[in-house]
Amino acid sequence: KLTGQHVLAAKAGGATAMVTPCPLCHTVLDSFQPEMEKDID
């Protein structure tokens, strides 16, 4: 729920990609996207 909103905001802002220096953030932002998409439909 938390990260889905961040990715959605980045997309709405016009981003074609996200970049992070944190390996933990990378794991969540990349790995959980299918679940995020289901959550926000």
Full PDB file with SEQRES, HELIX, SHEET, SSBOND, CRYST1, ORIGX, SCALE, CONECT and MASTER records, all heavy atoms in Angstrom:
SEQRES   1 A   41  LYS LEU THR GLY GLN HIS VAL LEU ALA ALA LYS ALA GLY          
SEQRES   2 A   41  GLY ALA THR ALA MET VAL THR PRO CYS PRO LEU CYS HIS          
SEQRES   3 A   41  THR VAL LEU ASP SER PHE GLN PRO GLU MET GLU LYS ASP          
SEQRES   4 A   41  ILE ASP                                                      
HELIX    1 AA1 LEU A    2  ALA A   12  1                                  11    
HELIX    2 AA2 PRO A   23  SER A   31  1                                   9    
HELIX    3 AA3 GLN A   33  ILE A   40  1                                   8    
CRYST1    1.000    1.000    1.000  90.00  90.00  90.00 P 1           1          
ORIGX1      1.000000  0.000000  0.000000        0.00000                         
ORIGX2      0.000000  1.000000  0.000000        0.00000                         
ORIGX3      0.000000  0.000000  1.000000        0.00000                         
SCALE1      1.000000  0.000000  0.000000        0.00000                         
SCALE2      0.000000  1.000000  0.000000        0.00000                         
SCALE3      0.000000  0.000000  1.000000        0.00000                         
ATOM      1  N   LYS A   1       0.833  -1.215   0.000  1.00  0.00           N  
ATOM      2  CA  LYS A   1       0.000   0.000   0.000  1.00  0.00           C  
ATOM      3  C   LYS A   1       0.861   1.256   0.000  1.00  0.00           C  
ATOM      4  O   LYS A   1       0.610   2.189  -0.756  1.00  0.00           O  
ATOM      5  CB  LYS A   1      -0.931   0.010   1.203  1.00  0.00           C  
ATOM      6  CG  LYS A   1      -2.114  -0.892   1.044  1.00  0.00           C  
ATOM      7  CD  LYS A   1      -3.240  -0.456   1.955  1.00  0.00           C  
ATOM      8  CE  LYS A   1      -4.498  -1.199   1.641  1.00  0.00           C  
ATOM      9  NZ  LYS A   1      -5.056  -0.930   0.359  1.00  0.00           N  
ATOM     10  N   LEU A   2       1.863   1.271   0.862  1.00  0.00           N  
ATOM     11  CA  LEU A   2       2.733   2.431   1.002  1.00  0.00           C  
ATOM     12  C   LEU A   2       3.477   2.713  -0.297  1.00  0.00           C  
ATOM     13  O   LEU A   2       3.416   3.815  -0.835  1.00  0.00           O  
ATOM     14  CB  LEU A   2       3.725   2.163   2.143  1.00  0.00           C  
ATOM     15  CG  LEU A   2       4.685   3.254   2.545  1.00  0.00           C  
ATOM     16  CD1 LEU A   2       3.915   4.414   3.156  1.00  0.00           C  
ATOM     17  CD2 LEU A   2       5.665   2.693   3.572  1.00  0.00           C  
ATOM     18  N   THR A   3       4.153   1.734  -0.797  1.00  0.00           N  
ATOM     19  CA  THR A   3       5.016   1.934  -1.958  1.00  0.00           C  
ATOM     20  C   THR A   3       4.224   2.069  -3.245  1.00  0.00           C  
ATOM     21  O   THR A   3       4.645   2.773  -4.161  1.00  0.00           O  
ATOM     22  CB  THR A   3       6.052   0.802  -2.050  1.00  0.00           C  
ATOM     23  OG1 THR A   3       6.646   0.658  -0.764  1.00  0.00           O  
ATOM     24  CG2 THR A   3       7.142   1.131  -3.038  1.00  0.00           C  
ATOM     25  N   GLY A   4       3.091   1.419  -3.342  1.00  0.00           N  
ATOM     26  CA  GLY A   4       2.251   1.568  -4.534  1.00  0.00           C  
ATOM     27  C   GLY A   4       1.894   3.022  -4.773  1.00  0.00           C  
ATOM     28  O   GLY A   4       1.889   3.499  -5.919  1.00  0.00           O  
ATOM     29  N   GLN A   5       1.633   3.757  -3.704  1.00  0.00           N  
ATOM     30  CA  GLN A   5       1.303   5.179  -3.841  1.00  0.00           C  
ATOM     31  C   GLN A   5       2.511   5.990  -4.318  1.00  0.00           C  
ATOM     32  O   GLN A   5       2.362   6.935  -5.090  1.00  0.00           O  
ATOM     33  CB  GLN A   5       0.773   5.729  -2.513  1.00  0.00           C  
ATOM     34  CG  GLN A   5      -0.566   5.141  -2.118  1.00  0.00           C  
ATOM     35  CD  GLN A   5      -1.624   5.312  -3.204  1.00  0.00           C  
ATOM     36  OE1 GLN A   5      -1.826   6.406  -3.729  1.00  0.00           O  
ATOM     37  NE2 GLN A   5      -2.283   4.220  -3.551  1.00  0.00           N  
ATOM     38  N   HIS A   6       3.715   5.611  -3.878  1.00  0.00           N  
ATOM     39  CA  HIS A   6       4.926   6.312  -4.326  1.00  0.00           C  
ATOM     40  C   HIS A   6       5.155   6.086  -5.822  1.00  0.00           C  
ATOM     41  O   HIS A   6       5.449   7.023  -6.562  1.00  0.00           O  
ATOM     42  CB  HIS A   6       6.156   5.845  -3.548  1.00  0.00           C  
ATOM     43  CG  HIS A   6       6.070   6.030  -2.069  1.00  0.00           C  
ATOM     44  ND1 HIS A   6       5.442   7.089  -1.464  1.00  0.00           N  
ATOM     45  CD2 HIS A   6       6.544   5.264  -1.057  1.00  0.00           C  
ATOM     46  CE1 HIS A   6       5.540   6.981  -0.153  1.00  0.00           C  
ATOM     47  NE2 HIS A   6       6.210   5.871   0.117  1.00  0.00           N  
ATOM     48  N   VAL A   7       5.024   4.847  -6.258  1.00  0.00           N  
ATOM     49  CA  VAL A   7       5.235   4.536  -7.680  1.00  0.00           C  
ATOM     50  C   VAL A   7       4.165   5.219  -8.529  1.00  0.00           C  
ATOM     51  O   VAL A   7       4.457   5.779  -9.583  1.00  0.00           O  
ATOM     52  CB  VAL A   7       5.259   3.009  -7.931  1.00  0.00           C  
ATOM     53  CG1 VAL A   7       5.422   2.711  -9.408  1.00  0.00           C  
ATOM     54  CG2 VAL A   7       6.379   2.348  -7.127  1.00  0.00           C  
ATOM     55  N   LEU A   8       2.935   5.192  -8.070  1.00  0.00           N  
ATOM     56  CA  LEU A   8       1.839   5.843  -8.786  1.00  0.00           C  
ATOM     57  C   LEU A   8       2.094   7.349  -8.913  1.00  0.00           C  
ATOM     58  O   LEU A   8       1.898   7.931  -9.991  1.00  0.00           O  
ATOM     59  CB  LEU A   8       0.517   5.583  -8.070  1.00  0.00           C  
ATOM     60  CG  LEU A   8      -0.748   6.075  -8.763  1.00  0.00           C  
ATOM     61  CD1 LEU A   8      -0.904   5.441 -10.139  1.00  0.00           C  
ATOM     62  CD2 LEU A   8      -1.961   5.767  -7.898  1.00  0.00           C  
ATOM     63  N   ALA A   9       2.571   7.976  -7.851  1.00  0.00           N  
ATOM     64  CA  ALA A   9       2.880   9.412  -7.885  1.00  0.00           C  
ATOM     65  C   ALA A   9       4.017   9.702  -8.863  1.00  0.00           C  
ATOM     66  O   ALA A   9       3.975  10.690  -9.599  1.00  0.00           O  
ATOM     67  CB  ALA A   9       3.237   9.915  -6.491  1.00  0.00           C  
ATOM     68  N   ALA A  10       5.036   8.832  -8.897  1.00  0.00           N  
ATOM     69  CA  ALA A  10       6.146   9.012  -9.839  1.00  0.00           C  
ATOM     70  C   ALA A  10       5.657   8.903 -11.278  1.00  0.00           C  
ATOM     71  O   ALA A  10       6.034   9.692 -12.141  1.00  0.00           O  
ATOM     72  CB  ALA A  10       7.237   7.980  -9.561  1.00  0.00           C  
ATOM     73  N   LYS A  11       4.803   7.936 -11.525  1.00  0.00           N  
ATOM     74  CA  LYS A  11       4.254   7.746 -12.875  1.00  0.00           C  
ATOM     75  C   LYS A  11       3.399   8.946 -13.273  1.00  0.00           C  
ATOM     76  O   LYS A  11       3.527   9.464 -14.381  1.00  0.00           O  
ATOM     77  CB  LYS A  11       3.443   6.457 -12.930  1.00  0.00           C  
ATOM     78  CG  LYS A  11       2.953   6.129 -14.312  1.00  0.00           C  
ATOM     79  CD  LYS A  11       2.319   4.760 -14.375  1.00  0.00           C  
ATOM     80  CE  LYS A  11       1.927   4.477 -15.808  1.00  0.00           C  
ATOM     81  NZ  LYS A  11       2.207   3.130 -16.200  1.00  0.00           N  
ATOM     82  N   ALA A  12       2.558   9.406 -12.363  1.00  0.00           N  
ATOM     83  CA  ALA A  12       1.709  10.564 -12.634  1.00  0.00           C  
ATOM     84  C   ALA A  12       2.551  11.814 -12.892  1.00  0.00           C  
ATOM     85  O   ALA A  12       2.145  12.694 -13.659  1.00  0.00           O  
ATOM     86  CB  ALA A  12       0.743  10.806 -11.475  1.00  0.00           C  
ATOM     87  N   GLY A  13       3.722  11.881 -12.280  1.00  0.00           N  
ATOM     88  CA  GLY A  13       4.626  13.015 -12.472  1.00  0.00           C  
ATOM     89  C   GLY A  13       5.399  12.959 -13.777  1.00  0.00           C  
ATOM     90  O   GLY A  13       6.125  13.890 -14.097  1.00  0.00           O  
ATOM     91  N   GLY A  14       5.285  11.862 -14.506  1.00  0.00           N  
ATOM     92  CA  GLY A  14       5.938  11.760 -15.802  1.00  0.00           C  
ATOM     93  C   GLY A  14       7.183  10.904 -15.863  1.00  0.00           C  
ATOM     94  O   GLY A  14       7.875  10.874 -16.880  1.00  0.00           O  
ATOM     95  N   ALA A  15       7.478  10.169 -14.811  1.00  0.00           N  
ATOM     96  CA  ALA A  15       8.687   9.334 -14.804  1.00  0.00           C  
ATOM     97  C   ALA A  15       8.513   8.120 -15.712  1.00  0.00           C  
ATOM     98  O   ALA A  15       7.447   7.510 -15.753  1.00  0.00           O  
ATOM     99  CB  ALA A  15       9.005   8.865 -13.396  1.00  0.00           C  
ATOM    100  N   THR A  16       9.588   7.769 -16.413  1.00  0.00           N  
ATOM    101  CA  THR A  16       9.610   6.526 -17.184  1.00  0.00           C  
ATOM    102  C   THR A  16      10.412   5.458 -16.448  1.00  0.00           C  
ATOM    103  O   THR A  16      10.367   4.292 -16.825  1.00  0.00           O  
ATOM    104  CB  THR A  16      10.194   6.730 -18.589  1.00  0.00           C  
ATOM    105  OG1 THR A  16      11.472   7.354 -18.482  1.00  0.00           O  
ATOM    106  CG2 THR A  16       9.291   7.613 -19.438  1.00  0.00           C  
ATOM    107  N   ALA A  17      11.130   5.870 -15.401  1.00  0.00           N  
ATOM    108  CA  ALA A  17      11.884   4.928 -14.564  1.00  0.00           C  
ATOM    109  C   ALA A  17      12.109   5.575 -13.207  1.00  0.00           C  
ATOM    110  O   ALA A  17      12.064   6.793 -13.077  1.00  0.00           O  
ATOM    111  CB  ALA A  17      13.224   4.578 -15.210  1.00  0.00           C  
ATOM    112  N   MET A  18      12.342   4.728 -12.212  1.00  0.00           N  
ATOM    113  CA  MET A  18      12.705   5.211 -10.887  1.00  0.00           C  
ATOM    114  C   MET A  18      14.142   4.789 -10.615  1.00  0.00           C  
ATOM    115  O   MET A  18      14.609   3.794 -11.173  1.00  0.00           O  
ATOM    116  CB  MET A  18      11.771   4.637  -9.823  1.00  0.00           C  
ATOM    117  CG  MET A  18      10.350   5.144  -9.928  1.00  0.00           C  
ATOM    118  SD  MET A  18       9.246   4.462  -8.669  1.00  0.00           S  
ATOM    119  CE  MET A  18       9.639   5.521  -7.278  1.00  0.00           C  
ATOM    120  N   VAL A  19      14.815   5.540  -9.755  1.00  0.00           N  
ATOM    121  CA  VAL A  19      16.174   5.196  -9.366  1.00  0.00           C  
ATOM    122  C   VAL A  19      16.302   5.362  -7.860  1.00  0.00           C  
ATOM    123  O   VAL A  19      15.776   6.319  -7.288  1.00  0.00           O  
ATOM    124  CB  VAL A  19      17.224   6.050 -10.119  1.00  0.00           C  
ATOM    125  CG1 VAL A  19      17.080   7.528  -9.807  1.00  0.00           C  
ATOM    126  CG2 VAL A  19      18.639   5.570  -9.814  1.00  0.00           C  
ATOM    127  N   THR A  20      16.966   4.395  -7.235  1.00  0.00           N  
ATOM    128  CA  THR A  20      17.173   4.444  -5.790  1.00  0.00           C  
ATOM    129  C   THR A  20      18.578   3.947  -5.452  1.00  0.00           C  
ATOM    130  O   THR A  20      19.083   3.034  -6.094  1.00  0.00           O  
ATOM    131  CB  THR A  20      16.112   3.602  -5.043  1.00  0.00           C  
ATOM    132  OG1 THR A  20      16.327   3.750  -3.635  1.00  0.00           O  
ATOM    133  CG2 THR A  20      16.150   2.147  -5.431  1.00  0.00           C  
ATOM    134  N   PRO A  21      19.206   4.545  -4.444  1.00  0.00           N  
ATOM    135  CA  PRO A  21      20.502   4.042  -3.997  1.00  0.00           C  
ATOM    136  C   PRO A  21      20.366   2.916  -2.971  1.00  0.00           C  
ATOM    137  O   PRO A  21      21.344   2.258  -2.645  1.00  0.00           O  
ATOM    138  CB  PRO A  21      21.143   5.275  -3.356  1.00  0.00           C  
ATOM    139  CG  PRO A  21      19.993   6.070  -2.868  1.00  0.00           C  
ATOM    140  CD  PRO A  21      18.863   5.827  -3.831  1.00  0.00           C  
ATOM    141  N   CYS A  22      19.151   2.679  -2.501  1.00  0.00           N  
ATOM    142  CA  CYS A  22      18.937   1.719  -1.417  1.00  0.00           C  
ATOM    143  C   CYS A  22      18.541   0.342  -1.956  1.00  0.00           C  
ATOM    144  O   CYS A  22      17.537   0.217  -2.662  1.00  0.00           O  
ATOM    145  CB  CYS A  22      17.845   2.251  -0.492  1.00  0.00           C  
ATOM    146  SG  CYS A  22      17.426   1.116   0.841  1.00  0.00           S  
ATOM    147  N   PRO A  23      19.291  -0.700  -1.634  1.00  0.00           N  
ATOM    148  CA  PRO A  23      18.937  -2.036  -2.113  1.00  0.00           C  
ATOM    149  C   PRO A  23      17.615  -2.544  -1.528  1.00  0.00           C  
ATOM    150  O   PRO A  23      16.905  -3.315  -2.168  1.00  0.00           O  
ATOM    151  CB  PRO A  23      20.105  -2.914  -1.685  1.00  0.00           C  
ATOM    152  CG  PRO A  23      20.826  -2.155  -0.635  1.00  0.00           C  
ATOM    153  CD  PRO A  23      20.529  -0.696  -0.851  1.00  0.00           C  
ATOM    154  N   LEU A  24      17.264  -2.100  -0.327  1.00  0.00           N  
ATOM    155  CA  LEU A  24      15.996  -2.508   0.264  1.00  0.00           C  
ATOM    156  C   LEU A  24      14.842  -1.872  -0.505  1.00  0.00           C  
ATOM    157  O   LEU A  24      13.858  -2.543  -0.839  1.00  0.00           O  
ATOM    158  CB  LEU A  24      15.942  -2.113   1.743  1.00  0.00           C  
ATOM    159  CG  LEU A  24      17.098  -2.598   2.623  1.00  0.00           C  
ATOM    160  CD1 LEU A  24      16.943  -2.095   4.043  1.00  0.00           C  
ATOM    161  CD2 LEU A  24      17.218  -4.103   2.575  1.00  0.00           C  
ATOM    162  N   CYS A  25      14.949  -0.583  -0.789  1.00  0.00           N  
ATOM    163  CA  CYS A  25      13.920   0.102  -1.574  1.00  0.00           C  
ATOM    164  C   CYS A  25      13.817  -0.513  -2.965  1.00  0.00           C  
ATOM    165  O   CYS A  25      12.710  -0.703  -3.484  1.00  0.00           O  
ATOM    166  CB  CYS A  25      14.237   1.588  -1.693  1.00  0.00           C  
ATOM    167  SG  CYS A  25      14.122   2.510  -0.146  1.00  0.00           S  
ATOM    168  N   HIS A  26      14.950  -0.824  -3.569  1.00  0.00           N  
ATOM    169  CA  HIS A  26      14.918  -1.425  -4.899  1.00  0.00           C  
ATOM    170  C   HIS A  26      14.129  -2.730  -4.874  1.00  0.00           C  
ATOM    171  O   HIS A  26      13.310  -3.001  -5.750  1.00  0.00           O  
ATOM    172  CB  HIS A  26      16.332  -1.661  -5.428  1.00  0.00           C  
ATOM    173  CG  HIS A  26      16.337  -2.174  -6.823  1.00  0.00           C  
ATOM    174  ND1 HIS A  26      16.282  -3.517  -7.116  1.00  0.00           N  
ATOM    175  CD2 HIS A  26      16.337  -1.521  -8.003  1.00  0.00           C  
ATOM    176  CE1 HIS A  26      16.267  -3.668  -8.425  1.00  0.00           C  
ATOM    177  NE2 HIS A  26      16.296  -2.474  -8.983  1.00  0.00           N  
ATOM    178  N   THR A  27      14.360  -3.527  -3.863  1.00  0.00           N  
ATOM    179  CA  THR A  27      13.665  -4.806  -3.735  1.00  0.00           C  
ATOM    180  C   THR A  27      12.154  -4.600  -3.681  1.00  0.00           C  
ATOM    181  O   THR A  27      11.406  -5.263  -4.400  1.00  0.00           O  
ATOM    182  CB  THR A  27      14.147  -5.551  -2.474  1.00  0.00           C  
ATOM    183  OG1 THR A  27      15.544  -5.813  -2.611  1.00  0.00           O  
ATOM    184  CG2 THR A  27      13.399  -6.849  -2.277  1.00  0.00           C  
ATOM    185  N   VAL A  28      11.702  -3.681  -2.846  1.00  0.00           N  
ATOM    186  CA  VAL A  28      10.262  -3.458  -2.710  1.00  0.00           C  
ATOM    187  C   VAL A  28       9.683  -2.817  -3.966  1.00  0.00           C  
ATOM    188  O   VAL A  28       8.662  -3.265  -4.493  1.00  0.00           O  
ATOM    189  CB  VAL A  28       9.957  -2.592  -1.460  1.00  0.00           C  
ATOM    190  CG1 VAL A  28       8.483  -2.210  -1.411  1.00  0.00           C  
ATOM    191  CG2 VAL A  28      10.348  -3.338  -0.204  1.00  0.00           C  
ATOM    192  N   LEU A  29      10.318  -1.755  -4.466  1.00  0.00           N  
ATOM    193  CA  LEU A  29       9.795  -1.040  -5.630  1.00  0.00           C  
ATOM    194  C   LEU A  29       9.696  -1.943  -6.857  1.00  0.00           C  
ATOM    195  O   LEU A  29       8.756  -1.835  -7.639  1.00  0.00           O  
ATOM    196  CB  LEU A  29      10.683   0.166  -5.961  1.00  0.00           C  
ATOM    197  CG  LEU A  29      10.650   1.328  -4.981  1.00  0.00           C  
ATOM    198  CD1 LEU A  29      11.806   2.276  -5.245  1.00  0.00           C  
ATOM    199  CD2 LEU A  29       9.320   2.060  -5.057  1.00  0.00           C  
ATOM    200  N   ASP A  30      10.642  -2.824  -7.031  1.00  0.00           N  
ATOM    201  CA  ASP A  30      10.666  -3.704  -8.205  1.00  0.00           C  
ATOM    202  C   ASP A  30       9.856  -4.976  -7.973  1.00  0.00           C  
ATOM    203  O   ASP A  30       8.980  -5.313  -8.762  1.00  0.00           O  
ATOM    204  CB  ASP A  30      12.122  -4.046  -8.553  1.00  0.00           C  
ATOM    205  CG  ASP A  30      12.251  -4.859  -9.831  1.00  0.00           C  
ATOM    206  OD1 ASP A  30      11.609  -4.504 -10.838  1.00  0.00           O  
ATOM    207  OD2 ASP A  30      13.000  -5.852  -9.819  1.00  0.00           O  
ATOM    208  N   SER A  31      10.114  -5.663  -6.897  1.00  0.00           N  
ATOM    209  CA  SER A  31       9.528  -6.995  -6.676  1.00  0.00           C  
ATOM    210  C   SER A  31       8.036  -6.999  -6.385  1.00  0.00           C  
ATOM    211  O   SER A  31       7.336  -7.940  -6.753  1.00  0.00           O  
ATOM    212  CB  SER A  31      10.239  -7.708  -5.528  1.00  0.00           C  
ATOM    213  OG  SER A  31      11.600  -7.854  -5.825  1.00  0.00           O  
ATOM    214  N   PHE A  32       7.546  -5.972  -5.709  1.00  0.00           N  
ATOM    215  CA  PHE A  32       6.143  -5.975  -5.295  1.00  0.00           C  
ATOM    216  C   PHE A  32       5.208  -5.264  -6.274  1.00  0.00           C  
ATOM    217  O   PHE A  32       4.031  -5.087  -5.983  1.00  0.00           O  
ATOM    218  CB  PHE A  32       5.984  -5.346  -3.907  1.00  0.00           C  
ATOM    219  CG  PHE A  32       6.473  -6.202  -2.773  1.00  0.00           C  
ATOM    220  CD1 PHE A  32       7.359  -5.692  -1.845  1.00  0.00           C  
ATOM    221  CD2 PHE A  32       6.047  -7.509  -2.631  1.00  0.00           C  
ATOM    222  CE1 PHE A  32       7.815  -6.472  -0.787  1.00  0.00           C  
ATOM    223  CE2 PHE A  32       6.494  -8.298  -1.579  1.00  0.00           C  
ATOM    224  CZ  PHE A  32       7.375  -7.773  -0.652  1.00  0.00           C  
ATOM    225  N   GLN A  33       5.698  -4.871  -7.442  1.00  0.00           N  
ATOM    226  CA  GLN A  33       4.826  -4.123  -8.347  1.00  0.00           C  
ATOM    227  C   GLN A  33       3.572  -4.873  -8.781  1.00  0.00           C  
ATOM    228  O   GLN A  33       2.499  -4.271  -8.852  1.00  0.00           O  
ATOM    229  CB  GLN A  33       5.591  -3.597  -9.566  1.00  0.00           C  
ATOM    230  CG  GLN A  33       6.119  -2.221  -9.310  1.00  0.00           C  
ATOM    231  CD  GLN A  33       6.587  -1.499 -10.538  1.00  0.00           C  
ATOM    232  OE1 GLN A  33       5.840  -1.353 -11.504  1.00  0.00           O  
ATOM    233  NE2 GLN A  33       7.833  -1.045 -10.502  1.00  0.00           N  
ATOM    234  N   PRO A  34       3.634  -6.173  -9.048  1.00  0.00           N  
ATOM    235  CA  PRO A  34       2.381  -6.862  -9.399  1.00  0.00           C  
ATOM    236  C   PRO A  34       1.326  -6.759  -8.291  1.00  0.00           C  
ATOM    237  O   PRO A  34       0.148  -6.527  -8.571  1.00  0.00           O  
ATOM    238  CB  PRO A  34       2.817  -8.315  -9.617  1.00  0.00           C  
ATOM    239  CG  PRO A  34       4.257  -8.221  -9.993  1.00  0.00           C  
ATOM    240  CD  PRO A  34       4.797  -7.060  -9.203  1.00  0.00           C  
ATOM    241  N   GLU A  35       1.761  -6.862  -7.044  1.00  0.00           N  
ATOM    242  CA  GLU A  35       0.836  -6.734  -5.920  1.00  0.00           C  
ATOM    243  C   GLU A  35       0.345  -5.297  -5.772  1.00  0.00           C  
ATOM    244  O   GLU A  35      -0.805  -5.054  -5.429  1.00  0.00           O  
ATOM    245  CB  GLU A  35       1.494  -7.207  -4.624  1.00  0.00           C  
ATOM    246  CG  GLU A  35       1.739  -8.700  -4.574  1.00  0.00           C  
ATOM    247  CD  GLU A  35       3.058  -9.136  -5.236  1.00  0.00           C  
ATOM    248  OE1 GLU A  35       3.769  -8.275  -5.834  1.00  0.00           O  
ATOM    249  OE2 GLU A  35       3.368 -10.322  -5.175  1.00  0.00           O  
ATOM    250  N   MET A  36       1.229  -4.326  -6.029  1.00  0.00           N  
ATOM    251  CA  MET A  36       0.834  -2.913  -5.979  1.00  0.00           C  
ATOM    252  C   MET A  36      -0.249  -2.642  -7.023  1.00  0.00           C  
ATOM    253  O   MET A  36      -1.228  -1.940  -6.744  1.00  0.00           O  
ATOM    254  CB  MET A  36       2.040  -2.001  -6.262  1.00  0.00           C  
ATOM    255  CG  MET A  36       3.094  -1.961  -5.216  1.00  0.00           C  
ATOM    256  SD  MET A  36       4.459  -0.938  -5.848  1.00  0.00           S  
ATOM    257  CE  MET A  36       5.838  -1.686  -5.003  1.00  0.00           C  
ATOM    258  N   GLU A  37      -0.048  -3.171  -8.212  1.00  0.00           N  
ATOM    259  CA  GLU A  37      -1.016  -2.960  -9.293  1.00  0.00           C  
ATOM    260  C   GLU A  37      -2.387  -3.524  -8.923  1.00  0.00           C  
ATOM    261  O   GLU A  37      -3.414  -2.896  -9.199  1.00  0.00           O  
ATOM    262  CB  GLU A  37      -0.506  -3.585 -10.592  1.00  0.00           C  
ATOM    263  CG  GLU A  37       0.694  -2.864 -11.154  1.00  0.00           C  
ATOM    264  CD  GLU A  37       1.327  -3.539 -12.355  1.00  0.00           C  
ATOM    265  OE1 GLU A  37       1.065  -4.740 -12.595  1.00  0.00           O  
ATOM    266  OE2 GLU A  37       2.094  -2.863 -13.066  1.00  0.00           O  
ATOM    267  N   LYS A  38      -2.400  -4.686  -8.298  1.00  0.00           N  
ATOM    268  CA  LYS A  38      -3.675  -5.257  -7.845  1.00  0.00           C  
ATOM    269  C   LYS A  38      -4.312  -4.380  -6.780  1.00  0.00           C  
ATOM    270  O   LYS A  38      -5.521  -4.153  -6.782  1.00  0.00           O  
ATOM    271  CB  LYS A  38      -3.468  -6.673  -7.301  1.00  0.00           C  
ATOM    272  CG  LYS A  38      -3.198  -7.698  -8.357  1.00  0.00           C  
ATOM    273  CD  LYS A  38      -2.938  -9.059  -7.738  1.00  0.00           C  
ATOM    274  CE  LYS A  38      -2.427 -10.024  -8.792  1.00  0.00           C  
ATOM    275  NZ  LYS A  38      -1.792 -11.198  -8.214  1.00  0.00           N  
ATOM    276  N   ASP A  39      -3.503  -3.872  -5.867  1.00  0.00           N  
ATOM    277  CA  ASP A  39      -4.010  -3.061  -4.768  1.00  0.00           C  
ATOM    278  C   ASP A  39      -4.632  -1.756  -5.255  1.00  0.00           C  
ATOM    279  O   ASP A  39      -5.675  -1.345  -4.763  1.00  0.00           O  
ATOM    280  CB  ASP A  39      -2.889  -2.762  -3.766  1.00  0.00           C  
ATOM    281  CG  ASP A  39      -3.378  -1.983  -2.573  1.00  0.00           C  
ATOM    282  OD1 ASP A  39      -4.245  -2.510  -1.840  1.00  0.00           O  
ATOM    283  OD2 ASP A  39      -2.917  -0.839  -2.385  1.00  0.00           O  
ATOM    284  N   ILE A  40      -3.994  -1.095  -6.217  1.00  0.00           N  
ATOM    285  CA  ILE A  40      -4.516   0.189  -6.705  1.00  0.00           C  
ATOM    286  C   ILE A  40      -5.351   0.031  -7.970  1.00  0.00           C  
ATOM    287  O   ILE A  40      -5.858   1.017  -8.492  1.00  0.00           O  
ATOM    288  CB  ILE A  40      -3.379   1.209  -6.947  1.00  0.00           C  
ATOM    289  CG1 ILE A  40      -2.405   0.716  -8.023  1.00  0.00           C  
ATOM    290  CG2 ILE A  40      -2.653   1.524  -5.654  1.00  0.00           C  
ATOM    291  CD1 ILE A  40      -1.360   1.735  -8.429  1.00  0.00           C  
ATOM    292  N   ASP A  41      -5.455  -1.210  -8.453  1.00  0.00           N  
ATOM    293  CA  ASP A  41      -6.238  -1.511  -9.650  1.00  0.00           C  
ATOM    294  C   ASP A  41      -5.812  -0.640 -10.833  1.00  0.00           C  
ATOM    295  O   ASP A  41      -6.632  -0.047 -11.532  1.00  0.00           O  
ATOM    296  CB  ASP A  41      -7.740  -1.350  -9.373  1.00  0.00           C  
ATOM    297  CG  ASP A  41      -8.581  -2.015 -10.456  1.00  0.00           C  
ATOM    298  OD1 ASP A  41      -8.119  -3.023 -11.029  1.00  0.00           O  
ATOM    299  OD2 ASP A  41      -9.691  -1.517 -10.727  1.00  0.00           O  
TER     300      ASP A  41                                                      
MASTER        0    0    0    3    0    0    0    6  299    1    0    4          
END                                                                             
